[in-house]
Amino acid sequence: MRLENMLCFAVYGAGHGFNRVYKPLLDKLGLTYPQFLVMVALWEREGRTVGDLGGALGLESSTLTPLIKRLEAAGLLTRRRDREDERVVRVSLTHEGRALRDKADFVPECIVEATGMDLDELKALKQGLERLRSGLEASARKAGS
């Protein structure tokens, strides 16, 4: 067993690398990386429920709710109980939250550039990581049953 041979350590290190690149970019937007992910999910589809956001981001409500509250306090989104089912909370962007999307347009290009990889390499890597995650999740479900 050697660190240099461990896939998990390579993924862990890549995650830290992403954090170091994203931080100064997102500081310009006043967002943390988890907050940025919430905003991206809402830019994709506004008016999502907290449960839907949690599913899309792979986050539990106990982790997601504080993120949403901070984004609401920053004036970027609002939370409202669903009219048909009071147990459901819908999250919508404010005007400021929608406007932030245009300000964030520079982020993906900066990330691609920082990787030193071309788009085909990145696409293949992303697909491989998605297969990896899927396999690991399936294995964890089996182990839990």
N, C-alpha and C. Protein backbone atom coordinates (compact mmCIF):
# COMPACT_ATOMS: atom_id res chain seq x y z
N MET A 1 0.85 -1.17 0.00
CA MET A 1 0.00 0.00 0.00
C MET A 1 0.90 1.24 0.00
N ARG A 2 0.75 2.03 -1.06
CA ARG A 2 1.52 3.26 -1.19
C ARG A 2 0.58 4.38 -1.62
N LEU A 3 0.76 5.57 -1.06
CA LEU A 3 -0.09 6.71 -1.42
C LEU A 3 -0.11 6.95 -2.92
N GLU A 4 1.05 6.86 -3.55
CA GLU A 4 1.15 7.16 -4.98
C GLU A 4 0.35 6.19 -5.84
N ASN A 5 -0.03 5.04 -5.28
CA ASN A 5 -0.80 4.05 -6.03
C ASN A 5 -2.29 4.08 -5.71
N MET A 6 -2.69 4.94 -4.80
CA MET A 6 -4.08 4.95 -4.33
C MET A 6 -4.92 5.94 -5.14
N LEU A 7 -5.91 5.41 -5.84
CA LEU A 7 -6.83 6.25 -6.61
C LEU A 7 -7.54 7.24 -5.69
N CYS A 8 -7.98 6.79 -4.54
CA CYS A 8 -8.70 7.67 -3.62
C CYS A 8 -7.85 8.87 -3.22
N PHE A 9 -6.55 8.67 -3.06
CA PHE A 9 -5.67 9.77 -2.69
C PHE A 9 -5.51 10.75 -3.85
N ALA A 10 -5.47 10.23 -5.07
CA ALA A 10 -5.38 11.10 -6.25
C ALA A 10 -6.65 11.95 -6.37
N VAL A 11 -7.81 11.35 -6.13
CA VAL A 11 -9.07 12.09 -6.19
C VAL A 11 -9.13 13.12 -5.07
N TYR A 12 -8.69 12.73 -3.90
CA TYR A 12 -8.63 13.64 -2.74
C TYR A 12 -7.75 14.85 -3.05
N GLY A 13 -6.58 14.59 -3.62
CA GLY A 13 -5.66 15.67 -3.98
C GLY A 13 -6.24 16.58 -5.06
N ALA A 14 -6.91 15.98 -6.04
CA ALA A 14 -7.54 16.77 -7.09
C ALA A 14 -8.63 17.67 -6.50
N GLY A 15 -9.35 17.16 -5.52
CA GLY A 15 -10.37 17.97 -4.85
C GLY A 15 -9.76 19.19 -4.18
N HIS A 16 -8.62 18.99 -3.52
CA HIS A 16 -7.93 20.12 -2.90
C HIS A 16 -7.44 21.11 -3.95
N GLY A 17 -6.98 20.58 -5.08
CA GLY A 17 -6.54 21.45 -6.17
C GLY A 17 -7.69 22.31 -6.69
N PHE A 18 -8.85 21.69 -6.86
CA PHE A 18 -10.02 22.45 -7.29
C PHE A 18 -10.35 23.55 -6.29
N ASN A 19 -10.30 23.21 -5.01
CA ASN A 19 -10.61 24.21 -3.98
C ASN A 19 -9.68 25.41 -4.06
N ARG A 20 -8.40 25.15 -4.30
CA ARG A 20 -7.42 26.25 -4.37
C ARG A 20 -7.66 27.14 -5.60
N VAL A 21 -8.16 26.55 -6.68
CA VAL A 21 -8.43 27.34 -7.89
C VAL A 21 -9.76 28.07 -7.76
N TYR A 22 -10.78 27.39 -7.23
CA TYR A 22 -12.10 28.00 -7.12
C TYR A 22 -12.14 29.15 -6.11
N LYS A 23 -11.43 29.03 -5.00
CA LYS A 23 -11.57 30.01 -3.92
C LYS A 23 -11.39 31.46 -4.36
N PRO A 24 -10.29 31.83 -5.02
CA PRO A 24 -10.17 33.24 -5.41
C PRO A 24 -11.20 33.67 -6.45
N LEU A 25 -11.62 32.74 -7.30
CA LEU A 25 -12.65 33.06 -8.29
C LEU A 25 -13.98 33.35 -7.61
N LEU A 26 -14.34 32.49 -6.67
CA LEU A 26 -15.63 32.64 -5.98
C LEU A 26 -15.61 33.76 -4.96
N ASP A 27 -14.43 34.07 -4.42
CA ASP A 27 -14.32 35.23 -3.52
C ASP A 27 -14.79 36.50 -4.23
N LYS A 28 -14.50 36.60 -5.52
CA LYS A 28 -14.93 37.77 -6.30
C LYS A 28 -16.45 37.86 -6.38
N LEU A 29 -17.11 36.71 -6.26
CA LEU A 29 -18.58 36.67 -6.31
C LEU A 29 -19.21 36.68 -4.93
N GLY A 30 -18.39 36.58 -3.89
CA GLY A 30 -18.91 36.54 -2.52
C GLY A 30 -19.53 35.20 -2.17
N LEU A 31 -19.06 34.12 -2.80
CA LEU A 31 -19.63 32.80 -2.58
C LEU A 31 -18.56 31.80 -2.14
N THR A 32 -19.00 30.83 -1.35
CA THR A 32 -18.17 29.66 -1.09
C THR A 32 -18.49 28.63 -2.19
N TYR A 33 -17.68 27.59 -2.29
CA TYR A 33 -17.94 26.58 -3.31
C TYR A 33 -19.30 25.90 -3.12
N PRO A 34 -19.68 25.47 -1.91
CA PRO A 34 -21.02 24.88 -1.76
C PRO A 34 -22.15 25.86 -2.12
N GLN A 35 -21.99 27.14 -1.77
CA GLN A 35 -22.99 28.14 -2.14
C GLN A 35 -23.05 28.30 -3.66
N PHE A 36 -21.90 28.27 -4.30
CA PHE A 36 -21.84 28.35 -5.76
C PHE A 36 -22.61 27.20 -6.39
N LEU A 37 -22.47 25.99 -5.85
CA LEU A 37 -23.19 24.84 -6.39
C LEU A 37 -24.70 25.03 -6.25
N VAL A 38 -25.15 25.56 -5.13
CA VAL A 38 -26.59 25.84 -4.95
C VAL A 38 -27.05 26.84 -6.01
N MET A 39 -26.27 27.87 -6.21
CA MET A 39 -26.64 28.88 -7.21
C MET A 39 -26.67 28.28 -8.61
N VAL A 40 -25.69 27.46 -8.96
CA VAL A 40 -25.68 26.83 -10.28
C VAL A 40 -26.93 25.98 -10.46
N ALA A 41 -27.29 25.21 -9.44
CA ALA A 41 -28.49 24.38 -9.52
C ALA A 41 -29.74 25.23 -9.73
N LEU A 42 -29.80 26.40 -9.09
CA LEU A 42 -30.95 27.28 -9.26
C LEU A 42 -30.90 28.01 -10.60
N TRP A 43 -29.72 28.31 -11.10
CA TRP A 43 -29.62 28.91 -12.43
C TRP A 43 -30.09 27.92 -13.49
N GLU A 44 -29.87 26.64 -13.23
CA GLU A 44 -30.34 25.61 -14.16
C GLU A 44 -31.86 25.52 -14.15
N ARG A 45 -32.44 25.55 -12.93
CA ARG A 45 -33.89 25.44 -12.79
C ARG A 45 -34.31 26.13 -11.51
N GLU A 46 -34.99 27.24 -11.69
CA GLU A 46 -35.42 28.04 -10.55
C GLU A 46 -36.69 27.43 -9.93
N GLY A 47 -36.92 27.77 -8.67
CA GLY A 47 -38.14 27.33 -7.99
C GLY A 47 -38.06 25.89 -7.53
N ARG A 48 -36.88 25.38 -7.36
CA ARG A 48 -36.70 24.00 -6.91
C ARG A 48 -37.06 23.88 -5.44
N THR A 49 -37.44 22.69 -5.04
CA THR A 49 -37.68 22.45 -3.63
C THR A 49 -36.33 22.17 -2.95
N VAL A 50 -36.32 22.31 -1.64
CA VAL A 50 -35.11 22.01 -0.88
C VAL A 50 -34.73 20.54 -1.11
N GLY A 51 -35.72 19.66 -1.13
CA GLY A 51 -35.45 18.24 -1.37
C GLY A 51 -34.85 17.99 -2.74
N ASP A 52 -35.37 18.67 -3.75
CA ASP A 52 -34.84 18.52 -5.10
C ASP A 52 -33.41 19.03 -5.18
N LEU A 53 -33.14 20.17 -4.56
CA LEU A 53 -31.78 20.71 -4.52
C LEU A 53 -30.83 19.73 -3.83
N GLY A 54 -31.27 19.18 -2.71
CA GLY A 54 -30.45 18.22 -1.99
C GLY A 54 -30.12 17.00 -2.84
N GLY A 55 -31.12 16.51 -3.58
CA GLY A 55 -30.89 15.37 -4.46
C GLY A 55 -29.91 15.70 -5.57
N ALA A 56 -30.07 16.88 -6.17
CA ALA A 56 -29.19 17.29 -7.27
C ALA A 56 -27.76 17.47 -6.80
N LEU A 57 -27.58 17.95 -5.56
CA LEU A 57 -26.25 18.26 -5.04
C LEU A 57 -25.67 17.15 -4.17
N GLY A 58 -26.48 16.14 -3.87
CA GLY A 58 -26.01 15.07 -3.00
C GLY A 58 -25.81 15.53 -1.57
N LEU A 59 -26.67 16.46 -1.11
CA LEU A 59 -26.55 17.01 0.23
C LEU A 59 -27.79 16.72 1.05
N GLU A 60 -27.60 16.45 2.32
CA GLU A 60 -28.71 16.28 3.24
C GLU A 60 -29.30 17.65 3.57
N SER A 61 -30.56 17.65 3.96
CA SER A 61 -31.24 18.90 4.32
C SER A 61 -30.50 19.64 5.43
N SER A 62 -29.94 18.89 6.37
CA SER A 62 -29.24 19.53 7.50
C SER A 62 -27.97 20.28 7.05
N THR A 63 -27.41 19.89 5.93
CA THR A 63 -26.25 20.60 5.36
C THR A 63 -26.71 21.71 4.43
N LEU A 64 -27.75 21.44 3.67
CA LEU A 64 -28.23 22.38 2.66
C LEU A 64 -28.93 23.59 3.27
N THR A 65 -29.73 23.39 4.29
CA THR A 65 -30.52 24.49 4.87
C THR A 65 -29.65 25.67 5.33
N PRO A 66 -28.54 25.45 6.04
CA PRO A 66 -27.71 26.60 6.41
C PRO A 66 -27.13 27.33 5.19
N LEU A 67 -26.78 26.59 4.13
CA LEU A 67 -26.29 27.23 2.91
C LEU A 67 -27.36 28.14 2.32
N ILE A 68 -28.57 27.62 2.25
CA ILE A 68 -29.69 28.38 1.69
C ILE A 68 -29.96 29.62 2.53
N LYS A 69 -29.93 29.45 3.85
CA LYS A 69 -30.18 30.60 4.73
C LYS A 69 -29.14 31.70 4.53
N ARG A 70 -27.87 31.31 4.36
CA ARG A 70 -26.82 32.33 4.14
C ARG A 70 -27.01 33.03 2.79
N LEU A 71 -27.41 32.27 1.78
CA LEU A 71 -27.66 32.88 0.46
C LEU A 71 -28.89 33.79 0.51
N GLU A 72 -29.87 33.41 1.31
CA GLU A 72 -31.05 34.26 1.49
C GLU A 72 -30.67 35.55 2.22
N ALA A 73 -29.85 35.44 3.26
CA ALA A 73 -29.40 36.61 4.01
C ALA A 73 -28.58 37.55 3.11
N ALA A 74 -27.89 36.97 2.12
CA ALA A 74 -27.11 37.78 1.18
C ALA A 74 -27.98 38.40 0.09
N GLY A 75 -29.28 38.08 0.10
CA GLY A 75 -30.20 38.66 -0.87
C GLY A 75 -30.20 37.99 -2.22
N LEU A 76 -29.68 36.76 -2.30
CA LEU A 76 -29.57 36.09 -3.60
C LEU A 76 -30.74 35.15 -3.89
N LEU A 77 -31.45 34.74 -2.86
CA LEU A 77 -32.60 33.85 -3.06
C LEU A 77 -33.63 34.03 -1.97
N THR A 78 -34.78 33.44 -2.18
CA THR A 78 -35.85 33.46 -1.19
C THR A 78 -36.35 32.04 -0.99
N ARG A 79 -36.88 31.80 0.21
CA ARG A 79 -37.52 30.52 0.52
C ARG A 79 -38.99 30.77 0.81
N ARG A 80 -39.83 29.90 0.28
CA ARG A 80 -41.27 30.01 0.53
C ARG A 80 -41.87 28.62 0.65
N ARG A 81 -42.83 28.50 1.54
CA ARG A 81 -43.58 27.24 1.66
C ARG A 81 -44.44 27.06 0.41
N ASP A 82 -44.52 25.85 -0.07
CA ASP A 82 -45.33 25.53 -1.23
C ASP A 82 -46.81 25.73 -0.89
N ARG A 83 -47.54 26.31 -1.81
CA ARG A 83 -48.97 26.58 -1.56
C ARG A 83 -49.79 25.30 -1.43
N GLU A 84 -49.41 24.27 -2.17
CA GLU A 84 -50.17 23.02 -2.15
C GLU A 84 -49.77 22.09 -1.02
N ASP A 85 -48.53 22.19 -0.57
CA ASP A 85 -48.03 21.32 0.50
C ASP A 85 -47.08 22.12 1.37
N GLU A 86 -47.56 22.52 2.55
CA GLU A 86 -46.79 23.38 3.45
C GLU A 86 -45.48 22.77 3.92
N ARG A 87 -45.36 21.44 3.82
CA ARG A 87 -44.12 20.79 4.25
C ARG A 87 -42.98 21.04 3.27
N VAL A 88 -43.33 21.43 2.06
CA VAL A 88 -42.34 21.63 0.99
C VAL A 88 -41.91 23.10 0.95
N VAL A 89 -40.60 23.31 0.89
CA VAL A 89 -40.05 24.66 0.79
C VAL A 89 -39.45 24.83 -0.60
N ARG A 90 -39.89 25.88 -1.29
CA ARG A 90 -39.38 26.19 -2.62
C ARG A 90 -38.35 27.32 -2.52
N VAL A 91 -37.32 27.19 -3.32
CA VAL A 91 -36.23 28.17 -3.31
C VAL A 91 -36.19 28.85 -4.67
N SER A 92 -36.24 30.18 -4.65
CA SER A 92 -36.23 30.96 -5.89
C SER A 92 -35.16 32.03 -5.83
N LEU A 93 -34.66 32.38 -6.98
CA LEU A 93 -33.65 33.43 -7.08
C LEU A 93 -34.29 34.81 -6.97
N THR A 94 -33.57 35.74 -6.39
CA THR A 94 -33.96 37.14 -6.42
C THR A 94 -33.38 37.75 -7.70
N HIS A 95 -33.70 39.00 -7.92
CA HIS A 95 -33.10 39.71 -9.07
C HIS A 95 -31.57 39.67 -8.96
N GLU A 96 -31.05 39.89 -7.73
CA GLU A 96 -29.61 39.88 -7.52
C GLU A 96 -29.02 38.49 -7.79
N GLY A 97 -29.75 37.46 -7.41
CA GLY A 97 -29.30 36.09 -7.65
C GLY A 97 -29.23 35.77 -9.13
N ARG A 98 -30.21 36.25 -9.88
CA ARG A 98 -30.19 36.04 -11.34
C ARG A 98 -29.05 36.83 -11.98
N ALA A 99 -28.84 38.04 -11.51
CA ALA A 99 -27.78 38.90 -12.07
C ALA A 99 -26.39 38.32 -11.80
N LEU A 100 -26.25 37.61 -10.70
CA LEU A 100 -24.95 37.03 -10.36
C LEU A 100 -24.50 36.01 -11.39
N ARG A 101 -25.45 35.40 -12.08
CA ARG A 101 -25.10 34.41 -13.10
C ARG A 101 -24.19 35.03 -14.17
N ASP A 102 -24.55 36.22 -14.62
CA ASP A 102 -23.72 36.89 -15.63
C ASP A 102 -22.33 37.19 -15.09
N LYS A 103 -22.26 37.56 -13.83
CA LYS A 103 -20.97 37.88 -13.21
C LYS A 103 -20.11 36.62 -13.04
N ALA A 104 -20.76 35.45 -13.00
CA ALA A 104 -20.05 34.18 -12.79
C ALA A 104 -19.66 33.50 -14.09
N ASP A 105 -19.98 34.09 -15.22
CA ASP A 105 -19.70 33.45 -16.51
C ASP A 105 -18.23 33.15 -16.75
N PHE A 106 -17.35 33.87 -16.10
CA PHE A 106 -15.92 33.67 -16.31
C PHE A 106 -15.39 32.41 -15.62
N VAL A 107 -16.13 31.87 -14.65
CA VAL A 107 -15.61 30.78 -13.82
C VAL A 107 -15.30 29.50 -14.62
N PRO A 108 -16.23 28.97 -15.41
CA PRO A 108 -15.91 27.71 -16.11
C PRO A 108 -14.67 27.79 -16.99
N GLU A 109 -14.50 28.87 -17.70
CA GLU A 109 -13.33 29.02 -18.57
C GLU A 109 -12.04 29.03 -17.75
N CYS A 110 -12.07 29.69 -16.61
CA CYS A 110 -10.89 29.72 -15.73
C CYS A 110 -10.56 28.32 -15.21
N ILE A 111 -11.58 27.56 -14.89
CA ILE A 111 -11.37 26.21 -14.38
C ILE A 111 -10.78 25.32 -15.47
N VAL A 112 -11.34 25.39 -16.68
CA VAL A 112 -10.82 24.60 -17.79
C VAL A 112 -9.35 24.94 -18.02
N GLU A 113 -9.05 26.21 -18.05
CA GLU A 113 -7.67 26.65 -18.28
C GLU A 113 -6.74 26.14 -17.18
N ALA A 114 -7.21 26.19 -15.94
CA ALA A 114 -6.38 25.77 -14.81
C ALA A 114 -6.04 24.29 -14.85
N THR A 115 -6.89 23.47 -15.47
CA THR A 115 -6.63 22.03 -15.51
C THR A 115 -5.47 21.68 -16.42
N GLY A 116 -5.20 22.51 -17.42
CA GLY A 116 -4.17 22.19 -18.39
C GLY A 116 -4.57 21.06 -19.33
N MET A 117 -5.87 20.76 -19.36
CA MET A 117 -6.38 19.67 -20.20
C MET A 117 -7.30 20.25 -21.27
N ASP A 118 -7.46 19.53 -22.37
CA ASP A 118 -8.40 20.00 -23.39
C ASP A 118 -9.80 19.47 -23.07
N LEU A 119 -10.80 19.97 -23.80
CA LEU A 119 -12.19 19.64 -23.50
C LEU A 119 -12.48 18.15 -23.65
N ASP A 120 -11.88 17.49 -24.64
CA ASP A 120 -12.11 16.06 -24.81
C ASP A 120 -11.57 15.27 -23.62
N GLU A 121 -10.38 15.65 -23.14
CA GLU A 121 -9.81 14.98 -21.97
C GLU A 121 -10.70 15.19 -20.74
N LEU A 122 -11.16 16.41 -20.57
CA LEU A 122 -12.01 16.72 -19.42
C LEU A 122 -13.33 15.97 -19.48
N LYS A 123 -13.92 15.88 -20.67
CA LYS A 123 -15.18 15.15 -20.83
C LYS A 123 -14.99 13.67 -20.48
N ALA A 124 -13.92 13.07 -20.98
CA ALA A 124 -13.64 11.66 -20.69
C ALA A 124 -13.39 11.45 -19.19
N LEU A 125 -12.65 12.36 -18.58
CA LEU A 125 -12.38 12.27 -17.14
C LEU A 125 -13.67 12.38 -16.34
N LYS A 126 -14.52 13.32 -16.70
CA LYS A 126 -15.80 13.50 -16.00
C LYS A 126 -16.65 12.24 -16.11
N GLN A 127 -16.71 11.66 -17.30
CA GLN A 127 -17.50 10.43 -17.49
C GLN A 127 -16.93 9.29 -16.64
N GLY A 128 -15.61 9.18 -16.59
CA GLY A 128 -14.98 8.15 -15.76
C GLY A 128 -15.27 8.36 -14.28
N LEU A 129 -15.22 9.60 -13.83
CA LEU A 129 -15.51 9.89 -12.43
C LEU A 129 -16.97 9.62 -12.10
N GLU A 130 -17.86 9.90 -13.04
CA GLU A 130 -19.28 9.60 -12.81
C GLU A 130 -19.51 8.10 -12.69
N ARG A 131 -18.83 7.30 -13.52
CA ARG A 131 -18.91 5.83 -13.41
C ARG A 131 -18.33 5.36 -12.08
N LEU A 132 -17.21 5.97 -11.69
CA LEU A 132 -16.59 5.63 -10.42
C LEU A 132 -17.54 5.91 -9.26
N ARG A 133 -18.12 7.09 -9.24
CA ARG A 133 -19.06 7.46 -8.17
C ARG A 133 -20.25 6.52 -8.14
N SER A 134 -20.79 6.21 -9.29
CA SER A 134 -21.93 5.32 -9.38
C SER A 134 -21.60 3.93 -8.82
N GLY A 135 -20.43 3.41 -9.19
CA GLY A 135 -20.01 2.11 -8.67
C GLY A 135 -19.79 2.12 -7.17
N LEU A 136 -19.18 3.18 -6.67
CA LEU A 136 -18.95 3.29 -5.23
C LEU A 136 -20.27 3.41 -4.47
N GLU A 137 -21.21 4.18 -5.00
CA GLU A 137 -22.51 4.32 -4.35
C GLU A 137 -23.26 2.99 -4.32
N ALA A 138 -23.19 2.24 -5.42
CA ALA A 138 -23.85 0.94 -5.49
C ALA A 138 -23.22 -0.01 -4.46
N SER A 139 -21.91 0.02 -4.35
CA SER A 139 -21.21 -0.83 -3.39
C SER A 139 -21.59 -0.45 -1.95
N ALA A 140 -21.68 0.84 -1.69
CA ALA A 140 -22.06 1.30 -0.34
C ALA A 140 -23.48 0.89 -0.01
N ARG A 141 -24.38 0.94 -1.00
CA ARG A 141 -25.76 0.51 -0.75
C ARG A 141 -25.81 -0.98 -0.40
N LYS A 142 -25.04 -1.79 -1.15
CA LYS A 142 -24.99 -3.23 -0.89
C LYS A 142 -24.46 -3.50 0.52
N ALA A 143 -23.41 -2.79 0.89
CA ALA A 143 -22.80 -2.99 2.21
C ALA A 143 -23.75 -2.58 3.33
N GLY A 144 -24.62 -1.60 3.04
CA GLY A 144 -25.56 -1.12 4.05
C GLY A 144 -26.81 -1.98 4.20
N SER A 145 -27.04 -2.89 3.26
CA SER A 145 -28.27 -3.70 3.34
C SER A 145 -28.07 -5.03 3.99
